[in-house]
């Protein structure tokens, strides 16, 4: 008897939202972080990307080096290097200095 059965590659996972989800929306399911690449209609199965590089908003004052672990701040919909109660999103793949409001992040699960 097998102990595991292959289901899918795992770059995307199935997700059925209860309300419409616009593209680019970050969706948290426990510690699992996904991004909607397309509009997801309410109550219809769609998918969330859980791998890949995405551009996220960040505070203008934050200075982020390549390789920095970044966490999702649900309250203001940005990433930060501060752990606190924030959820791990991934690691910066490009530096983002003060005065910039975005950073490129490789999703990490």
C-alpha atoms as a PDB file:
ATOM      1  CA  UNK A   1       0.000   0.000   0.000  1.00  0.00           C
ATOM      2  CA  UNK A   2       1.522   3.378  -0.985  1.00  0.00           C
ATOM      3  CA  UNK A   3       2.074   5.957   1.731  1.00  0.00           C
ATOM      4  CA  UNK A   4       1.726   8.874  -0.681  1.00  0.00           C
ATOM      5  CA  UNK A   5      -0.054   9.380  -4.004  1.00  0.00           C
ATOM      6  CA  UNK A   6       1.062  12.064  -6.479  1.00  0.00           C
ATOM      7  CA  UNK A   7      -1.617  14.736  -7.006  1.00  0.00           C
ATOM      8  CA  UNK A   8      -0.013  17.701  -8.809  1.00  0.00           C
ATOM      9  CA  UNK A   9       3.351  19.378  -9.438  1.00  0.00           C
ATOM     10  CA  UNK A  10       2.841  21.884  -6.633  1.00  0.00           C
ATOM     11  CA  UNK A  11       3.610  25.238  -8.268  1.00  0.00           C
ATOM     12  CA  UNK A  12      -0.057  26.068  -7.810  1.00  0.00           C
ATOM     13  CA  UNK A  13      -2.637  24.719  -5.413  1.00  0.00           C
ATOM     14  CA  UNK A  14      -6.408  24.496  -5.678  1.00  0.00           C
ATOM     15  CA  UNK A  15      -8.334  27.187  -3.843  1.00  0.00           C
ATOM     16  CA  UNK A  16     -12.039  28.008  -3.654  1.00  0.00           C
ATOM     17  CA  UNK A  17     -12.623  31.521  -2.291  1.00  0.00           C
ATOM     18  CA  UNK A  18     -15.865  32.504  -0.579  1.00  0.00           C
ATOM     19  CA  UNK A  19     -15.643  36.002  -2.120  1.00  0.00           C
ATOM     20  CA  UNK A  20     -14.151  37.167  -5.429  1.00  0.00           C
ATOM     21  CA  UNK A  21     -10.353  37.466  -5.258  1.00  0.00           C
ATOM     22  CA  UNK A  22      -8.628  39.992  -7.557  1.00  0.00           C
ATOM     23  CA  UNK A  23      -5.323  39.089  -9.274  1.00  0.00           C
ATOM     24  CA  UNK A  24      -2.288  39.810  -7.109  1.00  0.00           C
ATOM     25  CA  UNK A  25      -4.129  39.124  -3.867  1.00  0.00           C
ATOM     26  CA  UNK A  26      -2.064  37.400  -1.172  1.00  0.00           C
ATOM     27  CA  UNK A  27      -4.026  34.580   0.447  1.00  0.00           C
ATOM     28  CA  UNK A  28      -3.009  33.075   3.782  1.00  0.00           C
ATOM     29  CA  UNK A  29      -4.132  29.611   4.793  1.00  0.00           C
ATOM     30  CA  UNK A  30      -2.448  28.977   8.132  1.00  0.00           C
ATOM     31  CA  UNK A  31       1.279  29.253   7.345  1.00  0.00           C
ATOM     32  CA  UNK A  32       0.722  28.614   3.623  1.00  0.00           C
ATOM     33  CA  UNK A  33       1.055  31.773   1.521  1.00  0.00           C
ATOM     34  CA  UNK A  34      -0.312  31.901  -2.010  1.00  0.00           C
ATOM     35  CA  UNK A  35      -0.859  34.572  -4.646  1.00  0.00           C
ATOM     36  CA  UNK A  36      -3.805  34.739  -7.035  1.00  0.00           C
ATOM     37  CA  UNK A  37      -2.401  35.185 -10.550  1.00  0.00           C
ATOM     38  CA  UNK A  38      -5.866  35.641 -12.055  1.00  0.00           C
ATOM     39  CA  UNK A  39      -9.283  36.774 -10.825  1.00  0.00           C
ATOM     40  CA  UNK A  40     -10.885  34.021  -8.774  1.00  0.00           C
ATOM     41  CA  UNK A  41     -14.687  34.103  -8.776  1.00  0.00           C
ATOM     42  CA  UNK A  42     -16.431  33.423  -5.474  1.00  0.00           C
ATOM     43  CA  UNK A  43     -17.316  29.791  -4.764  1.00  0.00           C
ATOM     44  CA  UNK A  44     -15.472  28.478  -7.860  1.00  0.00           C
ATOM     45  CA  UNK A  45     -12.320  26.414  -7.743  1.00  0.00           C
ATOM     46  CA  UNK A  46      -9.241  28.310  -8.883  1.00  0.00           C
ATOM     47  CA  UNK A  47      -5.571  28.244  -8.047  1.00  0.00           C
ATOM     48  CA  UNK A  48      -2.971  30.079  -6.026  1.00  0.00           C
ATOM     49  CA  UNK A  49       0.706  30.269  -6.932  1.00  0.00           C
ATOM     50  CA  UNK A  50       2.898  29.019  -4.096  1.00  0.00           C
ATOM     51  CA  UNK A  51       6.200  29.254  -5.982  1.00  0.00           C
ATOM     52  CA  UNK A  52       7.718  31.899  -8.213  1.00  0.00           C
ATOM     53  CA  UNK A  53       9.024  35.442  -7.939  1.00  0.00           C
ATOM     54  CA  UNK A  54       6.521  38.198  -7.211  1.00  0.00           C
ATOM     55  CA  UNK A  55       6.849  41.920  -6.600  1.00  0.00           C
ATOM     56  CA  UNK A  56       5.450  42.935  -3.212  1.00  0.00           C
ATOM     57  CA  UNK A  57       4.898  46.324  -1.639  1.00  0.00           C
ATOM     58  CA  UNK A  58       7.187  47.400   1.212  1.00  0.00           C
ATOM     59  CA  UNK A  59       7.608  50.428   3.461  1.00  0.00           C
ATOM     60  CA  UNK A  60       9.620  53.153   1.725  1.00  0.00           C
ATOM     61  CA  UNK A  61      12.016  53.422   4.680  1.00  0.00           C
ATOM     62  CA  UNK A  62      12.905  49.698   4.686  1.00  0.00           C
ATOM     63  CA  UNK A  63      16.283  48.661   3.260  1.00  0.00           C
ATOM     64  CA  UNK A  64      16.220  45.047   2.111  1.00  0.00           C
ATOM     65  CA  UNK A  65      19.262  43.056   0.985  1.00  0.00           C
ATOM     66  CA  UNK A  66      19.187  40.074  -1.380  1.00  0.00           C
ATOM     67  CA  UNK A  67      18.432  36.889   0.579  1.00  0.00           C
ATOM     68  CA  UNK A  68      16.566  38.623   3.410  1.00  0.00           C
ATOM     69  CA  UNK A  69      13.633  36.599   4.748  1.00  0.00           C
ATOM     70  CA  UNK A  70      10.434  38.584   4.314  1.00  0.00           C
ATOM     71  CA  UNK A  71       7.127  38.316   6.135  1.00  0.00           C
ATOM     72  CA  UNK A  72       3.571  39.316   5.161  1.00  0.00           C
ATOM     73  CA  UNK A  73       2.020  42.137   7.182  1.00  0.00           C
ATOM     74  CA  UNK A  74      -1.692  41.578   6.718  1.00  0.00           C
ATOM     75  CA  UNK A  75      -2.607  44.894   8.351  1.00  0.00           C
ATOM     76  CA  UNK A  76      -1.033  47.032   5.614  1.00  0.00           C
ATOM     77  CA  UNK A  77      -0.628  44.408   2.854  1.00  0.00           C
ATOM     78  CA  UNK A  78       3.182  44.736   2.596  1.00  0.00           C
ATOM     79  CA  UNK A  79       6.254  42.650   3.374  1.00  0.00           C
ATOM     80  CA  UNK A  80       8.753  43.307   6.140  1.00  0.00           C
ATOM     81  CA  UNK A  81      11.903  41.738   7.577  1.00  0.00           C
ATOM     82  CA  UNK A  82      10.226  41.761  11.020  1.00  0.00           C
ATOM     83  CA  UNK A  83       8.924  38.361  12.100  1.00  0.00           C
ATOM     84  CA  UNK A  84       6.521  39.183  14.962  1.00  0.00           C
ATOM     85  CA  UNK A  85       3.134  37.651  14.169  1.00  0.00           C
ATOM     86  CA  UNK A  86       3.738  38.044  10.430  1.00  0.00           C
ATOM     87  CA  UNK A  87       3.806  35.009   8.103  1.00  0.00           C
ATOM     88  CA  UNK A  88       6.906  33.996   6.124  1.00  0.00           C
ATOM     89  CA  UNK A  89       6.473  34.840   2.438  1.00  0.00           C
ATOM     90  CA  UNK A  90       9.942  34.144   1.055  1.00  0.00           C
ATOM     91  CA  UNK A  91      13.331  35.702   0.389  1.00  0.00           C
ATOM     92  CA  UNK A  92      14.286  38.865  -1.459  1.00  0.00           C
ATOM     93  CA  UNK A  93      15.886  38.127  -4.838  1.00  0.00           C
ATOM     94  CA  UNK A  94      16.807  41.757  -5.517  1.00  0.00           C
ATOM     95  CA  UNK A  95      17.957  44.520  -3.210  1.00  0.00           C
ATOM     96  CA  UNK A  96      15.412  47.233  -2.411  1.00  0.00           C
ATOM     97  CA  UNK A  97      16.719  50.424  -0.870  1.00  0.00           C
ATOM     98  CA  UNK A  98      15.169  53.276   1.039  1.00  0.00           C
ATOM     99  CA  UNK A  99      12.853  55.325  -1.119  1.00  0.00           C
ATOM    100  CA  UNK A 100      11.576  52.301  -3.063  1.00  0.00           C
ATOM    101  CA  UNK A 101       8.155  50.843  -2.335  1.00  0.00           C
ATOM    102  CA  UNK A 102       8.514  47.356  -3.852  1.00  0.00           C
ATOM    103  CA  UNK A 103      10.763  44.322  -3.528  1.00  0.00           C
ATOM    104  CA  UNK A 104      10.995  41.102  -5.559  1.00  0.00           C
ATOM    105  CA  UNK A 105      10.406  37.990  -3.497  1.00  0.00           C
ATOM    106  CA  UNK A 106      10.850  34.292  -4.213  1.00  0.00           C
ATOM    107  CA  UNK A 107       7.944  32.564  -2.469  1.00  0.00           C
ATOM    108  CA  UNK A 108       9.057  30.061   0.161  1.00  0.00           C
ATOM    109  CA  UNK A 109       6.861  27.431   1.755  1.00  0.00           C
END
